[in-house]
């Protein structure tokens, strides 16, 4: 398997809001090739393919709860990649929190694979993982890795984040589109960036002189109300302030 490009599809269930009502399901892909892997949504994988072919990508996130990540196993480095809503500036955050796994004797069949249980703490959350030893790849969804087999399912104790393997492909020609990369930030710097954006979400766009146009679903232009739009964005950020790295949750007040 190591001689081939591999693509593992996961169903990712997230609850981005603290009210436990903002449930979302989306397909993500863990693509592995040449000692590197990238974990990204189906949309992000498509946008990366556009970027590789045309030099341009699309897609605008509306909040900071993003699960895009990449691993370089040869260098032992893992990065979380985030894109600022609206502005589209991209940043890389080095993941230096050690995953101190505890292997348990529990077993179960998940996604038609015989799995063993393990637990770990990451990002201020406790996680329960199930890994398949017969898929000898020490990788998994998002930043998770290091178990003696592929992580088939992992869920946090609050049921806010769940990653479940759907299927995988073993083909030589799986498209491994280069992942997006950005400037380096620490988690503390990223938290400050989020809070600054919250207070002035359109400041950078307005200072650039970019003309902003608002339209309805029929394409009819509407008047731009900067204060109203800022309040709307702030409301969206507050309602989705349940990041996977709970220990770095920004203060949106």
Protein backbone atom coordinates (compact mmCIF):
# COMPACT_ATOMS: atom_id res chain seq x y z
CA UNK A 1 0.00 0.00 0.00
CA UNK A 2 2.88 2.39 0.69
CA UNK A 3 3.92 2.28 -2.99
CA UNK A 4 0.58 3.73 -4.07
CA UNK A 5 -1.29 6.98 -3.67
CA UNK A 6 -4.15 6.40 -1.27
CA UNK A 7 -7.37 8.28 -0.70
CA UNK A 8 -9.54 7.68 2.37
CA UNK A 9 -13.01 9.24 2.49
CA UNK A 10 -14.47 10.22 5.87
CA UNK A 11 -17.87 11.48 6.87
CA UNK A 12 -17.27 14.36 9.26
CA UNK A 13 -20.04 15.41 11.64
CA UNK A 14 -19.52 18.71 13.42
CA UNK A 15 -21.45 20.81 15.87
CA UNK A 16 -20.00 24.26 15.37
CA UNK A 17 -22.29 25.99 17.89
CA UNK A 18 -22.27 25.87 21.65
CA UNK A 19 -26.04 25.33 21.65
CA UNK A 20 -25.56 21.77 20.28
CA UNK A 21 -27.95 22.54 17.40
CA UNK A 22 -25.56 23.44 14.58
CA UNK A 23 -25.01 19.92 13.26
CA UNK A 24 -23.36 19.57 9.86
CA UNK A 25 -22.22 16.52 7.87
CA UNK A 26 -19.65 16.75 5.12
CA UNK A 27 -17.33 14.39 3.26
CA UNK A 28 -13.58 14.87 3.71
CA UNK A 29 -10.61 13.12 2.13
CA UNK A 30 -7.32 11.97 3.60
CA UNK A 31 -4.98 11.77 0.61
CA UNK A 32 -1.60 10.10 1.13
CA UNK A 33 1.40 10.10 -1.21
CA UNK A 34 5.19 10.00 -0.86
CA UNK A 35 5.31 10.29 2.91
CA UNK A 36 2.90 13.21 3.03
CA UNK A 37 -0.83 13.50 3.59
CA UNK A 38 -3.48 16.18 3.42
CA UNK A 39 -6.94 16.18 5.03
CA UNK A 40 -9.51 18.47 3.43
CA UNK A 41 -13.17 18.72 2.56
CA UNK A 42 -14.52 17.60 -0.78
CA UNK A 43 -14.95 21.25 -1.78
CA UNK A 44 -11.41 22.15 -0.72
CA UNK A 45 -10.02 19.24 -2.71
CA UNK A 46 -11.87 20.54 -5.77
CA UNK A 47 -10.62 24.09 -5.18
CA UNK A 48 -7.04 22.80 -4.80
CA UNK A 49 -7.41 21.02 -8.14
CA UNK A 50 -8.50 24.31 -9.73
CA UNK A 51 -5.55 26.07 -8.16
CA UNK A 52 -3.18 23.41 -9.53
CA UNK A 53 -4.63 23.71 -13.04
CA UNK A 54 -5.39 27.41 -13.33
CA UNK A 55 -3.51 29.12 -10.51
CA UNK A 56 -6.80 30.30 -9.06
CA UNK A 57 -8.93 28.82 -6.31
CA UNK A 58 -12.45 29.53 -5.15
CA UNK A 59 -14.43 29.18 -1.97
CA UNK A 60 -14.95 31.58 0.92
CA UNK A 61 -15.28 30.25 4.49
CA UNK A 62 -17.80 32.01 6.70
CA UNK A 63 -16.18 31.11 10.02
CA UNK A 64 -12.88 29.90 11.45
CA UNK A 65 -13.96 26.33 12.25
CA UNK A 66 -11.87 24.77 9.51
CA UNK A 67 -10.41 21.25 9.49
CA UNK A 68 -7.88 21.56 6.68
CA UNK A 69 -4.55 19.99 7.69
CA UNK A 70 -1.45 18.40 6.24
CA UNK A 71 1.27 16.10 7.57
CA UNK A 72 4.86 15.65 6.45
CA UNK A 73 5.85 12.32 7.97
CA UNK A 74 9.46 12.57 6.79
CA UNK A 75 9.95 15.88 8.64
CA UNK A 76 7.59 14.98 11.48
CA UNK A 77 5.57 18.16 10.97
CA UNK A 78 1.81 18.72 11.08
CA UNK A 79 0.06 21.93 10.13
CA UNK A 80 -3.49 23.20 10.45
CA UNK A 81 -4.29 25.55 7.58
CA UNK A 82 -6.88 28.29 8.05
CA UNK A 83 -8.29 30.85 5.64
CA UNK A 84 -9.67 34.13 6.95
CA UNK A 85 -13.33 34.60 5.96
CA UNK A 86 -13.94 37.12 3.17
CA UNK A 87 -10.29 38.21 2.99
CA UNK A 88 -8.95 34.77 2.00
CA UNK A 89 -5.55 35.25 3.63
CA UNK A 90 -4.21 31.78 4.47
CA UNK A 91 -2.15 30.80 7.51
CA UNK A 92 -0.39 27.65 8.73
CA UNK A 93 -0.37 26.72 12.41
CA UNK A 94 2.23 24.19 13.54
CA UNK A 95 0.64 21.45 15.66
CA UNK A 96 3.12 20.80 18.45
CA UNK A 97 0.75 19.23 20.98
CA UNK A 98 1.85 15.64 21.54
CA UNK A 99 -0.72 12.88 21.11
CA UNK A 100 -0.17 10.62 24.10
CA UNK A 101 -2.32 7.65 23.07
CA UNK A 102 -3.56 5.04 25.53
CA UNK A 103 -4.40 1.73 23.83
CA UNK A 104 -7.29 -0.29 25.27
CA UNK A 105 -8.29 -3.92 24.78
CA UNK A 106 -11.80 -3.10 23.48
CA UNK A 107 -12.52 -4.28 19.94
CA UNK A 108 -15.34 -3.64 17.46
CA UNK A 109 -16.12 -3.92 13.77
CA UNK A 110 -16.46 -0.46 12.21
CA UNK A 111 -16.84 0.21 8.48
CA UNK A 112 -16.38 -3.55 7.97
CA UNK A 113 -12.94 -3.39 9.59
CA UNK A 114 -11.85 -5.03 12.82
CA UNK A 115 -10.78 -2.21 15.10
CA UNK A 116 -9.15 -1.63 18.47
CA UNK A 117 -9.93 1.26 20.81
CA UNK A 118 -7.61 4.04 21.96
CA UNK A 119 -8.10 7.32 23.81
CA UNK A 120 -6.20 10.59 23.74
CA UNK A 121 -6.47 14.24 24.79
CA UNK A 122 -6.07 16.95 22.16
CA UNK A 123 -7.14 20.58 21.94
CA UNK A 124 -8.75 20.55 25.38
CA UNK A 125 -10.97 17.61 24.39
CA UNK A 126 -10.95 13.91 25.21
CA UNK A 127 -11.09 11.66 22.15
CA UNK A 128 -12.11 8.03 21.61
CA UNK A 129 -10.55 6.43 18.54
CA UNK A 130 -10.91 3.10 16.75
CA UNK A 131 -8.07 1.97 14.51
CA UNK A 132 -7.59 -0.95 12.12
CA UNK A 133 -4.26 -2.75 12.57
CA UNK A 134 -4.65 -4.56 9.24
CA UNK A 135 -4.31 -1.20 7.44
CA UNK A 136 -0.74 -0.53 8.47
CA UNK A 137 -0.76 3.23 8.04
CA UNK A 138 -0.14 5.36 11.13
CA UNK A 139 -2.38 8.16 9.96
CA UNK A 140 -5.94 9.35 10.34
CA UNK A 141 -8.33 12.26 9.84
CA UNK A 142 -7.36 15.83 10.64
CA UNK A 143 -4.17 16.02 12.78
CA UNK A 144 -4.67 12.60 14.34
CA UNK A 145 -1.95 10.00 13.75
CA UNK A 146 0.50 7.71 15.51
CA UNK A 147 -1.60 4.61 16.20
CA UNK A 148 -0.45 1.18 14.90
CA UNK A 149 -3.02 1.26 12.12
CA UNK A 150 -5.34 3.61 10.26
CA UNK A 151 -7.79 5.57 12.42
CA UNK A 152 -11.21 4.42 11.21
CA UNK A 153 -13.32 6.48 13.60
CA UNK A 154 -12.64 9.13 16.20
CA UNK A 155 -15.09 11.20 18.26
CA UNK A 156 -14.70 13.68 21.10
CA UNK A 157 -16.44 13.16 24.44
CA UNK A 158 -18.84 16.07 23.82
CA UNK A 159 -20.01 14.62 20.48
CA UNK A 160 -19.07 17.87 18.77
CA UNK A 161 -16.72 16.25 16.25
CA UNK A 162 -16.92 12.79 14.71
CA UNK A 163 -14.80 11.38 11.89
CA UNK A 164 -15.94 8.08 10.33
CA UNK A 165 -14.26 6.23 7.46
CA UNK A 166 -16.58 5.64 4.49
CA UNK A 167 -14.29 3.99 1.94
CA UNK A 168 -10.78 4.08 0.51
CA UNK A 169 -9.15 3.70 -2.89
CA UNK A 170 -5.90 1.95 -3.74
CA UNK A 171 -4.99 3.29 -7.15
CA UNK A 172 -1.71 4.55 -8.53
CA UNK A 173 -3.18 7.61 -10.20
CA UNK A 174 -5.26 9.22 -7.47
CA UNK A 175 -4.95 12.98 -7.96
CA UNK A 176 -2.91 14.34 -5.07
CA UNK A 177 -3.44 18.03 -5.66
CA UNK A 178 -0.88 20.19 -3.86
CA UNK A 179 -2.38 21.48 -0.61
CA UNK A 180 -2.67 25.18 0.01
CA UNK A 181 -0.09 26.77 2.29
CA UNK A 182 0.15 30.08 4.06
CA UNK A 183 2.16 32.26 6.41
CA UNK A 184 3.08 30.78 9.78
CA UNK A 185 1.19 31.66 12.95
CA UNK A 186 1.13 30.28 16.47
CA UNK A 187 -2.23 29.34 18.01
CA UNK A 188 -2.00 32.40 20.28
CA UNK A 189 -1.45 34.66 17.27
CA UNK A 190 -4.31 32.98 15.43
CA UNK A 191 -6.65 33.53 18.39
CA UNK A 192 -5.75 37.23 18.36
CA UNK A 193 -6.33 37.37 14.59
CA UNK A 194 -9.81 35.87 15.05
CA UNK A 195 -10.72 38.39 17.74
CA UNK A 196 -9.46 41.34 15.67
CA UNK A 197 -11.45 40.11 12.68
CA UNK A 198 -14.56 39.76 14.84
CA UNK A 199 -14.41 43.42 15.91
CA UNK A 200 -13.79 44.73 12.38
CA UNK A 201 -14.72 42.01 9.84
CA UNK A 202 -14.70 44.31 6.79
CA UNK A 203 -11.87 46.64 7.80
CA UNK A 204 -9.22 45.14 5.52
CA UNK A 205 -11.54 44.99 2.53
CA UNK A 206 -12.65 48.58 3.04
CA UNK A 207 -9.10 49.87 3.56
CA UNK A 208 -8.01 48.22 0.30
CA UNK A 209 -10.46 50.37 -1.61
CA UNK A 210 -12.29 47.34 -2.91
CA UNK A 211 -15.85 48.15 -3.93
CA UNK A 212 -18.25 45.79 -2.19
CA UNK A 213 -21.53 44.90 -3.84
CA UNK A 214 -24.46 43.19 -2.18
CA UNK A 215 -27.12 41.39 -4.23
CA UNK A 216 -30.23 39.32 -3.60
CA UNK A 217 -30.84 35.81 -4.93
CA UNK A 218 -31.98 37.25 -8.29
CA UNK A 219 -28.81 39.30 -8.75
CA UNK A 220 -30.43 42.64 -7.99
CA UNK A 221 -28.01 45.06 -6.32
CA UNK A 222 -28.77 46.09 -2.76
CA UNK A 223 -27.44 49.00 -0.77
CA UNK A 224 -24.30 48.19 1.24
CA UNK A 225 -24.68 48.81 4.96
CA UNK A 226 -21.28 48.22 6.54
CA UNK A 227 -22.58 48.31 10.12
CA UNK A 228 -25.43 45.89 9.43
CA UNK A 229 -23.16 43.51 7.52
CA UNK A 230 -20.57 43.60 10.30
CA UNK A 231 -23.23 42.78 12.89
CA UNK A 232 -24.45 39.90 10.73
CA UNK A 233 -20.92 38.48 10.42
CA UNK A 234 -20.32 38.88 14.14
CA UNK A 235 -23.53 36.99 14.86
CA UNK A 236 -22.37 34.16 12.58
CA UNK A 237 -19.00 33.99 14.34
CA UNK A 238 -20.61 33.93 17.81
CA UNK A 239 -23.01 31.17 16.80
CA UNK A 240 -20.16 29.06 15.43
CA UNK A 241 -17.65 29.59 18.23
CA UNK A 242 -17.04 25.95 19.12
CA UNK A 243 -13.61 25.20 17.58
CA UNK A 244 -12.03 21.77 17.61
CA UNK A 245 -9.09 23.28 19.55
CA UNK A 246 -11.30 24.24 22.47
CA UNK A 247 -8.31 25.41 24.50
CA UNK A 248 -7.83 28.26 21.99
CA UNK A 249 -11.44 29.35 21.64
CA UNK A 250 -11.53 33.08 20.85
CA UNK A 251 -13.44 35.60 22.96
CA UNK A 252 -16.17 36.98 20.70
CA UNK A 253 -17.80 39.70 22.78
